[in-house]
């Protein structure tokens, strides 16, 4: 049996960026096409792969399953930011801003798709880069007026299959040194 251990660890977030989804389904190639989301709250960023539902199929003669069928597994990145600037509010909720005045959209909740790139902090000389070519972006806010806590905007970036005639992975994780 081979040893699959490594010294690669996922600890901390170095950067988080959004870009427009490409019509080809591929991940955006140029750094200029990305916008950085900043002021991420410590400990709020997660890449989640949910455990799929399992359907057990039995045979009459046995008390344990004969086979199991696995359902789909949702994948998403979620994080929260403390930034309440107009550009962040527009990125989160849509709407518009004129200088320092932000206005929520007058229509129903907007549906947005973005490409997402998240890079971990360097640990043991290595980092991990998560690339999602197509994600639906859902947001919420807890805009507190408390003295001992700041308001926050929460983002959930749900991984979607890229729209492409060729097979493109919905998410890649690259180890960099």
N, C-alpha and C. Protein backbone atom coordinates (compact mmCIF):
# COMPACT_ATOMS: atom_id res chain seq x y z
N UNK A 1 0.85 -1.18 0.00
CA UNK A 1 0.00 0.00 0.00
C UNK A 1 0.90 1.25 0.00
N UNK A 2 0.50 2.24 -0.77
CA UNK A 2 1.33 3.44 -0.87
C UNK A 2 0.96 4.44 0.23
N UNK A 3 1.90 5.31 0.51
CA UNK A 3 1.71 6.36 1.52
C UNK A 3 1.18 7.61 0.80
N UNK A 4 0.00 8.07 1.17
CA UNK A 4 -0.60 9.22 0.48
C UNK A 4 -0.47 10.52 1.28
N UNK A 5 0.27 10.50 2.38
CA UNK A 5 0.43 11.69 3.21
C UNK A 5 1.28 12.76 2.53
N UNK A 6 1.02 14.04 2.91
CA UNK A 6 1.83 15.15 2.41
C UNK A 6 1.92 16.20 3.52
N UNK A 7 2.69 17.24 3.27
CA UNK A 7 2.77 18.35 4.23
C UNK A 7 1.99 19.56 3.73
N UNK A 8 1.04 19.35 2.83
CA UNK A 8 0.21 20.43 2.30
C UNK A 8 -0.98 20.62 3.23
N UNK A 9 -1.14 21.87 3.71
CA UNK A 9 -2.21 22.19 4.66
C UNK A 9 -3.00 23.38 4.15
N UNK A 10 -4.29 23.40 4.48
CA UNK A 10 -5.15 24.53 4.15
C UNK A 10 -5.38 25.31 5.42
N UNK A 11 -4.67 26.45 5.53
CA UNK A 11 -4.77 27.30 6.72
C UNK A 11 -4.81 28.75 6.26
N UNK A 12 -5.91 29.41 6.48
CA UNK A 12 -6.00 30.84 6.18
C UNK A 12 -6.29 31.13 4.72
N UNK A 13 -6.71 32.35 4.48
CA UNK A 13 -7.07 32.83 3.15
C UNK A 13 -6.18 34.01 2.79
N UNK A 14 -5.49 33.91 1.65
CA UNK A 14 -4.64 35.01 1.19
C UNK A 14 -5.41 35.97 0.30
N UNK A 15 -6.26 35.44 -0.59
CA UNK A 15 -7.03 36.32 -1.47
C UNK A 15 -8.28 35.61 -1.98
N UNK A 16 -9.25 36.44 -2.34
CA UNK A 16 -10.52 35.96 -2.87
C UNK A 16 -10.93 36.90 -3.99
N UNK A 17 -11.22 36.35 -5.18
CA UNK A 17 -11.50 37.19 -6.33
C UNK A 17 -12.70 36.68 -7.12
N UNK A 18 -13.41 37.62 -7.76
CA UNK A 18 -14.52 37.31 -8.64
C UNK A 18 -14.19 37.81 -10.05
N UNK A 19 -14.74 37.12 -11.05
CA UNK A 19 -14.65 37.57 -12.44
C UNK A 19 -15.93 37.17 -13.15
N UNK A 20 -16.17 37.76 -14.30
CA UNK A 20 -17.33 37.37 -15.10
C UNK A 20 -17.14 35.95 -15.62
N UNK A 21 -18.25 35.21 -15.72
CA UNK A 21 -18.22 33.86 -16.27
C UNK A 21 -17.97 33.97 -17.77
N UNK A 22 -17.08 33.13 -18.28
CA UNK A 22 -16.76 33.15 -19.71
C UNK A 22 -17.77 32.33 -20.50
N UNK A 23 -18.10 32.77 -21.68
CA UNK A 23 -19.08 32.06 -22.52
C UNK A 23 -18.57 30.69 -22.95
N UNK A 24 -17.25 30.50 -22.95
CA UNK A 24 -16.66 29.20 -23.32
C UNK A 24 -16.76 28.19 -22.19
N UNK A 25 -17.07 28.67 -20.98
CA UNK A 25 -17.13 27.78 -19.81
C UNK A 25 -15.80 27.64 -19.10
N UNK A 26 -14.71 28.08 -19.73
CA UNK A 26 -13.39 27.95 -19.12
C UNK A 26 -13.17 29.03 -18.06
N UNK A 27 -12.16 28.81 -17.23
CA UNK A 27 -11.83 29.76 -16.18
C UNK A 27 -11.13 30.97 -16.79
N UNK A 28 -11.44 32.20 -16.34
CA UNK A 28 -10.77 33.40 -16.89
C UNK A 28 -9.25 33.30 -16.77
N UNK A 29 -8.57 33.67 -17.84
CA UNK A 29 -7.11 33.48 -17.91
C UNK A 29 -6.31 34.66 -17.42
N UNK A 30 -6.85 35.87 -17.49
CA UNK A 30 -6.05 37.05 -17.17
C UNK A 30 -6.39 37.60 -15.79
N UNK A 31 -5.36 38.03 -15.09
CA UNK A 31 -5.54 38.60 -13.75
C UNK A 31 -6.34 39.90 -13.80
N UNK A 32 -6.27 40.60 -14.92
CA UNK A 32 -6.98 41.88 -15.05
C UNK A 32 -8.50 41.72 -15.04
N UNK A 33 -8.99 40.52 -15.33
CA UNK A 33 -10.43 40.31 -15.38
C UNK A 33 -11.04 40.07 -14.00
N UNK A 34 -10.20 39.99 -12.95
CA UNK A 34 -10.68 39.70 -11.60
C UNK A 34 -10.80 40.95 -10.74
N UNK A 35 -11.77 40.92 -9.84
CA UNK A 35 -11.92 41.95 -8.80
C UNK A 35 -11.71 41.27 -7.45
N UNK A 36 -10.89 41.88 -6.61
CA UNK A 36 -10.60 41.31 -5.29
C UNK A 36 -11.67 41.71 -4.29
N UNK A 37 -12.13 40.74 -3.54
CA UNK A 37 -13.05 40.97 -2.42
C UNK A 37 -12.17 41.02 -1.17
N UNK A 38 -12.25 42.10 -0.40
CA UNK A 38 -11.34 42.26 0.73
C UNK A 38 -12.03 42.33 2.07
N UNK A 39 -11.21 42.47 3.08
CA UNK A 39 -11.65 42.58 4.47
C UNK A 39 -12.49 41.38 4.90
N UNK A 40 -12.01 40.18 4.52
CA UNK A 40 -12.70 38.94 4.88
C UNK A 40 -12.54 38.71 6.37
N UNK A 41 -13.63 38.35 7.02
CA UNK A 41 -13.61 38.11 8.47
C UNK A 41 -12.81 36.84 8.77
N UNK A 42 -11.92 36.89 9.76
CA UNK A 42 -11.13 35.71 10.10
C UNK A 42 -12.01 34.52 10.43
N UNK A 43 -11.64 33.37 9.89
CA UNK A 43 -12.35 32.14 10.18
C UNK A 43 -13.68 31.97 9.46
N UNK A 44 -14.05 32.93 8.59
CA UNK A 44 -15.36 32.83 7.94
C UNK A 44 -15.32 32.11 6.60
N UNK A 45 -14.14 31.95 6.00
CA UNK A 45 -14.04 31.35 4.67
C UNK A 45 -13.95 29.83 4.78
N UNK A 46 -14.83 29.17 4.01
CA UNK A 46 -14.88 27.70 4.00
C UNK A 46 -15.12 27.23 2.57
N UNK A 47 -14.45 26.14 2.19
CA UNK A 47 -14.84 25.41 0.98
C UNK A 47 -15.51 24.15 1.48
N UNK A 48 -16.78 23.98 1.15
CA UNK A 48 -17.58 22.89 1.71
C UNK A 48 -17.94 21.91 0.60
N UNK A 49 -17.72 20.63 0.86
CA UNK A 49 -18.19 19.55 0.01
C UNK A 49 -19.13 18.72 0.87
N UNK A 50 -20.43 18.83 0.60
CA UNK A 50 -21.40 18.13 1.43
C UNK A 50 -21.34 16.63 1.17
N UNK A 51 -21.61 15.86 2.21
CA UNK A 51 -21.69 14.41 2.08
C UNK A 51 -22.98 14.10 1.31
N UNK A 52 -22.89 13.28 0.26
CA UNK A 52 -24.10 13.00 -0.53
C UNK A 52 -25.08 12.11 0.24
N UNK A 53 -26.36 12.25 -0.12
CA UNK A 53 -27.37 11.35 0.42
C UNK A 53 -27.09 9.95 -0.11
N UNK A 54 -27.41 8.94 0.70
CA UNK A 54 -27.18 7.55 0.33
C UNK A 54 -28.50 6.80 0.37
N UNK A 55 -28.76 6.06 -0.69
CA UNK A 55 -29.94 5.18 -0.73
C UNK A 55 -29.44 3.75 -0.66
N UNK A 56 -29.86 3.03 0.37
CA UNK A 56 -29.50 1.63 0.54
C UNK A 56 -30.50 0.75 -0.19
N UNK A 57 -30.01 -0.17 -1.00
CA UNK A 57 -30.86 -1.15 -1.68
C UNK A 57 -30.58 -2.52 -1.06
N UNK A 58 -31.62 -3.16 -0.61
CA UNK A 58 -31.51 -4.43 0.10
C UNK A 58 -32.01 -5.58 -0.77
N UNK A 59 -31.59 -6.77 -0.40
CA UNK A 59 -32.17 -8.00 -0.94
C UNK A 59 -32.89 -8.68 0.21
N UNK A 60 -33.85 -9.48 -0.12
CA UNK A 60 -34.70 -10.11 0.90
C UNK A 60 -33.92 -10.97 1.89
N UNK A 61 -32.84 -11.57 1.43
CA UNK A 61 -32.12 -12.53 2.28
C UNK A 61 -31.12 -11.90 3.24
N UNK A 62 -30.86 -10.60 3.15
CA UNK A 62 -29.82 -9.97 3.97
C UNK A 62 -30.35 -8.77 4.75
N UNK A 63 -29.73 -8.51 5.93
CA UNK A 63 -30.09 -7.34 6.73
C UNK A 63 -29.20 -6.13 6.45
N UNK A 64 -28.13 -6.33 5.72
CA UNK A 64 -27.25 -5.23 5.34
C UNK A 64 -27.48 -4.90 3.87
N UNK A 65 -27.15 -3.69 3.46
CA UNK A 65 -27.41 -3.31 2.06
C UNK A 65 -26.66 -4.18 1.06
N UNK A 66 -27.32 -4.45 -0.03
CA UNK A 66 -26.70 -5.17 -1.14
C UNK A 66 -25.82 -4.20 -1.93
N UNK A 67 -26.36 -3.00 -2.21
CA UNK A 67 -25.60 -1.92 -2.86
C UNK A 67 -26.09 -0.59 -2.32
N UNK A 68 -25.30 0.44 -2.58
CA UNK A 68 -25.70 1.80 -2.19
C UNK A 68 -25.65 2.70 -3.41
N UNK A 69 -26.62 3.61 -3.47
CA UNK A 69 -26.66 4.62 -4.53
C UNK A 69 -26.40 5.97 -3.89
N UNK A 70 -25.43 6.70 -4.42
CA UNK A 70 -25.09 8.00 -3.88
C UNK A 70 -25.75 9.10 -4.69
N UNK A 71 -26.31 10.09 -4.00
CA UNK A 71 -26.92 11.24 -4.65
C UNK A 71 -25.88 12.30 -4.95
N UNK A 72 -26.32 13.45 -5.45
CA UNK A 72 -25.38 14.53 -5.75
C UNK A 72 -24.78 15.13 -4.48
N UNK A 73 -23.66 15.79 -4.64
CA UNK A 73 -22.97 16.42 -3.52
C UNK A 73 -22.76 17.89 -3.83
N UNK A 74 -23.39 18.77 -3.08
CA UNK A 74 -23.26 20.20 -3.28
C UNK A 74 -21.88 20.67 -2.81
N UNK A 75 -21.30 21.60 -3.57
CA UNK A 75 -20.00 22.18 -3.23
C UNK A 75 -20.16 23.70 -3.25
N UNK A 76 -19.56 24.37 -2.28
CA UNK A 76 -19.65 25.83 -2.25
C UNK A 76 -18.55 26.43 -1.40
N UNK A 77 -18.25 27.70 -1.70
CA UNK A 77 -17.35 28.51 -0.87
C UNK A 77 -18.24 29.54 -0.19
N UNK A 78 -18.06 29.69 1.10
CA UNK A 78 -18.78 30.75 1.81
C UNK A 78 -17.78 31.56 2.62
N UNK A 79 -18.10 32.84 2.78
CA UNK A 79 -17.23 33.74 3.54
C UNK A 79 -18.02 34.98 3.91
N UNK A 80 -17.49 35.75 4.83
CA UNK A 80 -18.11 37.01 5.23
C UNK A 80 -17.06 38.11 5.20
N UNK A 81 -17.50 39.32 4.87
CA UNK A 81 -16.60 40.48 4.83
C UNK A 81 -17.12 41.57 5.76
N UNK A 82 -16.21 42.39 6.24
CA UNK A 82 -16.57 43.54 7.07
C UNK A 82 -16.70 44.82 6.25
N UNK A 83 -16.26 44.79 5.01
CA UNK A 83 -16.24 45.96 4.14
C UNK A 83 -17.66 46.41 3.81
N UNK A 84 -17.99 47.64 4.15
CA UNK A 84 -19.32 48.21 3.87
C UNK A 84 -19.25 49.30 2.81
N UNK A 85 -18.17 49.33 2.04
CA UNK A 85 -18.02 50.32 0.98
C UNK A 85 -19.01 50.08 -0.14
N UNK A 86 -19.27 51.11 -0.93
CA UNK A 86 -20.28 51.01 -1.99
C UNK A 86 -19.93 49.94 -3.02
N UNK A 87 -18.65 49.76 -3.35
CA UNK A 87 -18.28 48.74 -4.34
C UNK A 87 -18.58 47.34 -3.82
N UNK A 88 -18.34 47.11 -2.53
CA UNK A 88 -18.65 45.80 -1.94
C UNK A 88 -20.16 45.59 -1.87
N UNK A 89 -20.91 46.64 -1.51
CA UNK A 89 -22.37 46.53 -1.46
C UNK A 89 -22.94 46.20 -2.84
N UNK A 90 -22.40 46.82 -3.89
CA UNK A 90 -22.85 46.52 -5.25
C UNK A 90 -22.48 45.08 -5.63
N UNK A 91 -21.26 44.66 -5.30
CA UNK A 91 -20.85 43.28 -5.59
C UNK A 91 -21.74 42.27 -4.88
N UNK A 92 -22.20 42.63 -3.68
CA UNK A 92 -23.02 41.71 -2.89
C UNK A 92 -24.48 41.72 -3.31
N UNK A 93 -25.06 42.89 -3.44
CA UNK A 93 -26.52 42.99 -3.58
C UNK A 93 -27.00 43.57 -4.91
N UNK A 94 -26.07 43.99 -5.76
CA UNK A 94 -26.49 44.68 -6.98
C UNK A 94 -26.77 46.14 -6.64
N UNK A 95 -27.65 46.75 -7.36
CA UNK A 95 -27.96 48.15 -7.07
C UNK A 95 -26.95 49.07 -7.71
N UNK A 96 -26.89 50.29 -7.17
CA UNK A 96 -26.02 51.32 -7.74
C UNK A 96 -25.54 52.25 -6.65
N UNK A 97 -24.52 53.02 -6.98
CA UNK A 97 -24.00 54.02 -6.05
C UNK A 97 -23.62 55.27 -6.82
N UNK A 98 -23.89 56.39 -6.19
CA UNK A 98 -23.42 57.68 -6.69
C UNK A 98 -22.54 58.24 -5.59
N UNK A 99 -21.26 58.31 -5.88
CA UNK A 99 -20.21 58.67 -4.89
C UNK A 99 -20.37 57.83 -3.63
N UNK A 100 -20.85 58.40 -2.54
CA UNK A 100 -20.92 57.67 -1.27
C UNK A 100 -22.33 57.19 -0.90
N UNK A 101 -23.28 57.30 -1.83
CA UNK A 101 -24.67 56.89 -1.55
C UNK A 101 -24.97 55.61 -2.31
N UNK A 102 -25.24 54.53 -1.56
CA UNK A 102 -25.59 53.24 -2.15
C UNK A 102 -27.11 53.09 -2.16
N UNK A 103 -27.65 52.53 -3.25
CA UNK A 103 -29.09 52.25 -3.37
C UNK A 103 -29.29 50.79 -3.73
N UNK A 104 -30.11 50.09 -2.93
CA UNK A 104 -30.46 48.71 -3.26
C UNK A 104 -31.23 48.69 -4.57
N UNK A 105 -31.21 47.54 -5.30
CA UNK A 105 -31.98 47.46 -6.54
C UNK A 105 -33.48 47.58 -6.27
N UNK A 106 -34.20 48.15 -7.22
CA UNK A 106 -35.65 48.32 -7.06
C UNK A 106 -36.42 47.09 -7.54
N UNK A 107 -35.74 46.18 -8.20
CA UNK A 107 -36.37 44.93 -8.66
C UNK A 107 -36.15 43.84 -7.63
N UNK A 108 -36.61 42.63 -7.94
CA UNK A 108 -36.45 41.51 -7.01
C UNK A 108 -34.97 41.14 -6.87
N UNK A 109 -34.69 40.22 -5.98
CA UNK A 109 -33.33 39.78 -5.72
C UNK A 109 -32.66 39.37 -7.03
N UNK A 110 -31.45 39.85 -7.20
CA UNK A 110 -30.73 39.55 -8.44
C UNK A 110 -30.09 38.17 -8.36
N UNK A 111 -29.98 37.51 -9.51
CA UNK A 111 -29.27 36.24 -9.62
C UNK A 111 -28.01 36.53 -10.40
N UNK A 112 -26.88 36.18 -9.79
CA UNK A 112 -25.61 36.46 -10.45
C UNK A 112 -24.77 35.20 -10.51
N UNK A 113 -24.03 35.09 -11.58
CA UNK A 113 -23.03 34.04 -11.71
C UNK A 113 -21.68 34.70 -11.90
N UNK A 114 -20.69 34.15 -11.21
CA UNK A 114 -19.32 34.68 -11.29
C UNK A 114 -18.35 33.51 -11.29
N UNK A 115 -17.17 33.74 -11.83
CA UNK A 115 -16.05 32.83 -11.63
C UNK A 115 -15.42 33.22 -10.30
N UNK A 116 -14.95 32.25 -9.54
CA UNK A 116 -14.41 32.51 -8.21
C UNK A 116 -13.01 31.89 -8.10
N UNK A 117 -12.10 32.67 -7.53
CA UNK A 117 -10.73 32.19 -7.27
C UNK A 117 -10.39 32.50 -5.82
N UNK A 118 -10.02 31.46 -5.07
CA UNK A 118 -9.62 31.62 -3.67
C UNK A 118 -8.23 31.01 -3.50
N UNK A 119 -7.33 31.77 -2.87
CA UNK A 119 -5.95 31.32 -2.66
C UNK A 119 -5.68 31.28 -1.16
N UNK A 120 -5.17 30.13 -0.69
CA UNK A 120 -4.86 29.99 0.73
C UNK A 120 -3.55 30.68 1.07
N UNK A 121 -3.32 30.88 2.34
CA UNK A 121 -2.02 31.39 2.79
C UNK A 121 -0.97 30.30 2.59
N UNK A 122 0.29 30.70 2.50
CA UNK A 122 1.38 29.76 2.31
C UNK A 122 1.73 29.11 3.65
N UNK A 123 1.66 27.78 3.68
CA UNK A 123 2.03 26.98 4.86
C UNK A 123 2.98 25.90 4.38
N UNK A 124 4.10 25.71 5.06
CA UNK A 124 5.12 24.74 4.66
C UNK A 124 5.61 24.99 3.24
N UNK A 125 5.62 26.27 2.82
CA UNK A 125 6.11 26.63 1.50
C UNK A 125 5.12 26.36 0.37
N UNK A 126 3.88 26.01 0.71
CA UNK A 126 2.89 25.68 -0.32
C UNK A 126 1.57 26.37 -0.04
N UNK A 127 0.82 26.63 -1.11
CA UNK A 127 -0.54 27.16 -0.97
C UNK A 127 -1.46 26.38 -1.90
N UNK A 128 -2.75 26.58 -1.73
CA UNK A 128 -3.75 25.94 -2.57
C UNK A 128 -4.57 27.03 -3.26
N UNK A 129 -4.83 26.84 -4.56
CA UNK A 129 -5.65 27.77 -5.32
C UNK A 129 -6.90 27.04 -5.79
N UNK A 130 -8.06 27.54 -5.38
CA UNK A 130 -9.35 26.99 -5.77
C UNK A 130 -9.88 27.83 -6.92
N UNK A 131 -10.22 27.17 -8.03
CA UNK A 131 -10.76 27.88 -9.19
C UNK A 131 -12.11 27.28 -9.55
N UNK A 132 -13.12 28.15 -9.58
CA UNK A 132 -14.48 27.76 -9.92
C UNK A 132 -14.89 28.59 -11.13
N UNK A 133 -15.02 27.98 -12.32
CA UNK A 133 -15.36 28.75 -13.51
C UNK A 133 -16.77 29.35 -13.50
N UNK A 134 -17.69 28.69 -12.76
CA UNK A 134 -19.08 29.18 -12.74
C UNK A 134 -19.71 28.88 -11.38
N UNK A 135 -20.13 29.93 -10.70
CA UNK A 135 -20.78 29.78 -9.39
C UNK A 135 -21.94 30.77 -9.30
N UNK A 136 -23.02 30.33 -8.66
CA UNK A 136 -24.10 31.27 -8.37
C UNK A 136 -23.74 31.95 -7.05
N UNK A 137 -23.95 33.24 -6.98
CA UNK A 137 -23.56 34.02 -5.81
C UNK A 137 -24.82 34.44 -5.05
N UNK A 138 -24.92 33.98 -3.82
CA UNK A 138 -26.02 34.38 -2.94
C UNK A 138 -25.42 35.16 -1.78
N UNK A 139 -26.09 36.24 -1.37
CA UNK A 139 -25.54 37.09 -0.32
C UNK A 139 -26.60 37.45 0.71
N UNK A 140 -26.13 37.77 1.89
CA UNK A 140 -26.98 38.26 2.97
C UNK A 140 -26.16 39.21 3.83
N UNK A 141 -26.81 39.90 4.72
CA UNK A 141 -26.08 40.85 5.56
C UNK A 141 -26.63 40.91 6.96
N UNK A 142 -25.73 41.12 7.89
CA UNK A 142 -26.07 41.41 9.28
C UNK A 142 -25.34 42.71 9.59
N UNK A 143 -25.98 43.82 9.26
CA UNK A 143 -25.34 45.13 9.34
C UNK A 143 -25.61 45.74 10.71
N UNK A 144 -24.80 45.34 11.66
CA UNK A 144 -24.99 45.70 13.07
C UNK A 144 -24.56 47.13 13.39
N UNK A 145 -25.23 47.66 14.38
CA UNK A 145 -24.84 48.96 14.93
C UNK A 145 -24.25 48.76 16.33
N UNK A 146 -23.70 47.60 16.61
CA UNK A 146 -23.18 47.27 17.93
C UNK A 146 -21.85 47.98 18.18
N UNK A 147 -21.51 48.14 19.45
CA UNK A 147 -20.24 48.77 19.82
C UNK A 147 -19.06 47.80 19.77
N UNK A 148 -19.34 46.50 19.98
CA UNK A 148 -18.25 45.54 20.09
C UNK A 148 -18.20 44.56 18.92
N UNK A 149 -18.95 44.80 17.86
CA UNK A 149 -18.93 43.92 16.69
C UNK A 149 -19.30 44.74 15.47
N UNK A 150 -18.66 44.42 14.35
CA UNK A 150 -18.97 45.16 13.12
C UNK A 150 -20.01 44.40 12.30
N UNK A 151 -20.62 45.12 11.38
CA UNK A 151 -21.54 44.48 10.46
C UNK A 151 -20.79 43.57 9.51
N UNK A 152 -21.52 42.67 8.90
CA UNK A 152 -20.88 41.76 7.96
C UNK A 152 -21.83 41.44 6.81
N UNK A 153 -21.22 41.17 5.66
CA UNK A 153 -21.94 40.70 4.48
C UNK A 153 -21.46 39.29 4.22
N UNK A 154 -22.40 38.35 4.09
CA UNK A 154 -22.08 36.95 3.88
C UNK A 154 -22.30 36.56 2.42
N UNK A 155 -21.32 35.87 1.85
CA UNK A 155 -21.39 35.39 0.48
C UNK A 155 -21.41 33.86 0.49
N UNK A 156 -22.26 33.27 -0.34
CA UNK A 156 -22.23 31.82 -0.60
C UNK A 156 -22.08 31.65 -2.10
N UNK A 157 -21.00 31.00 -2.51
CA UNK A 157 -20.70 30.81 -3.92
C UNK A 157 -20.90 29.34 -4.25
N UNK A 158 -22.06 29.01 -4.81
CA UNK A 158 -22.42 27.62 -5.10
C UNK A 158 -21.85 27.17 -6.43
N UNK A 159 -21.06 26.10 -6.41
CA UNK A 159 -20.40 25.59 -7.61
C UNK A 159 -21.44 25.05 -8.59
N UNK A 160 -21.35 25.51 -9.85
CA UNK A 160 -22.22 25.05 -10.93
C UNK A 160 -21.37 24.43 -12.04
N UNK A 161 -21.98 23.56 -12.83
CA UNK A 161 -21.28 23.00 -13.98
C UNK A 161 -21.06 24.10 -15.01
N UNK A 162 -19.85 24.20 -15.57
CA UNK A 162 -19.59 25.19 -16.62
C UNK A 162 -20.44 24.90 -17.86
N UNK A 163 -20.91 25.96 -18.53
CA UNK A 163 -21.64 25.81 -19.79
C UNK A 163 -20.62 25.64 -20.90
N UNK A 164 -20.43 24.41 -21.32
CA UNK A 164 -19.42 24.14 -22.34
C UNK A 164 -19.76 22.87 -23.07
N UNK A 165 -19.35 22.79 -24.34
CA UNK A 165 -19.55 21.57 -25.12
C UNK A 165 -18.46 20.55 -24.82
N UNK A 166 -17.42 20.96 -24.10
CA UNK A 166 -16.36 20.04 -23.69
C UNK A 166 -16.43 19.85 -22.18
N UNK A 167 -15.84 18.78 -21.70
CA UNK A 167 -15.87 18.48 -20.26
C UNK A 167 -14.89 19.40 -19.53
N UNK A 168 -15.43 20.31 -18.72
CA UNK A 168 -14.62 21.21 -17.91
C UNK A 168 -14.98 20.95 -16.46
N UNK A 169 -13.98 20.78 -15.62
CA UNK A 169 -14.22 20.52 -14.20
C UNK A 169 -14.92 21.73 -13.57
N UNK A 170 -15.93 21.48 -12.73
CA UNK A 170 -16.61 22.61 -12.06
C UNK A 170 -15.76 23.27 -10.98
N UNK A 171 -14.67 22.62 -10.57
CA UNK A 171 -13.78 23.19 -9.57
C UNK A 171 -12.44 22.47 -9.63
N UNK A 172 -11.35 23.25 -9.58
CA UNK A 172 -10.03 22.66 -9.49
C UNK A 172 -9.32 23.21 -8.26
N UNK A 173 -8.46 22.40 -7.67
CA UNK A 173 -7.61 22.81 -6.55
C UNK A 173 -6.18 22.56 -6.97
N UNK A 174 -5.40 23.63 -7.07
CA UNK A 174 -4.02 23.54 -7.53
C UNK A 174 -3.07 23.79 -6.37
N UNK A 175 -2.08 22.92 -6.24
CA UNK A 175 -1.04 23.08 -5.22
C UNK A 175 0.09 23.88 -5.84
N UNK A 176 0.46 24.99 -5.17
CA UNK A 176 1.54 25.81 -5.71
C UNK A 176 2.65 25.94 -4.67
N UNK A 177 3.86 26.10 -5.16
CA UNK A 177 5.01 26.25 -4.26
C UNK A 177 5.67 27.58 -4.48
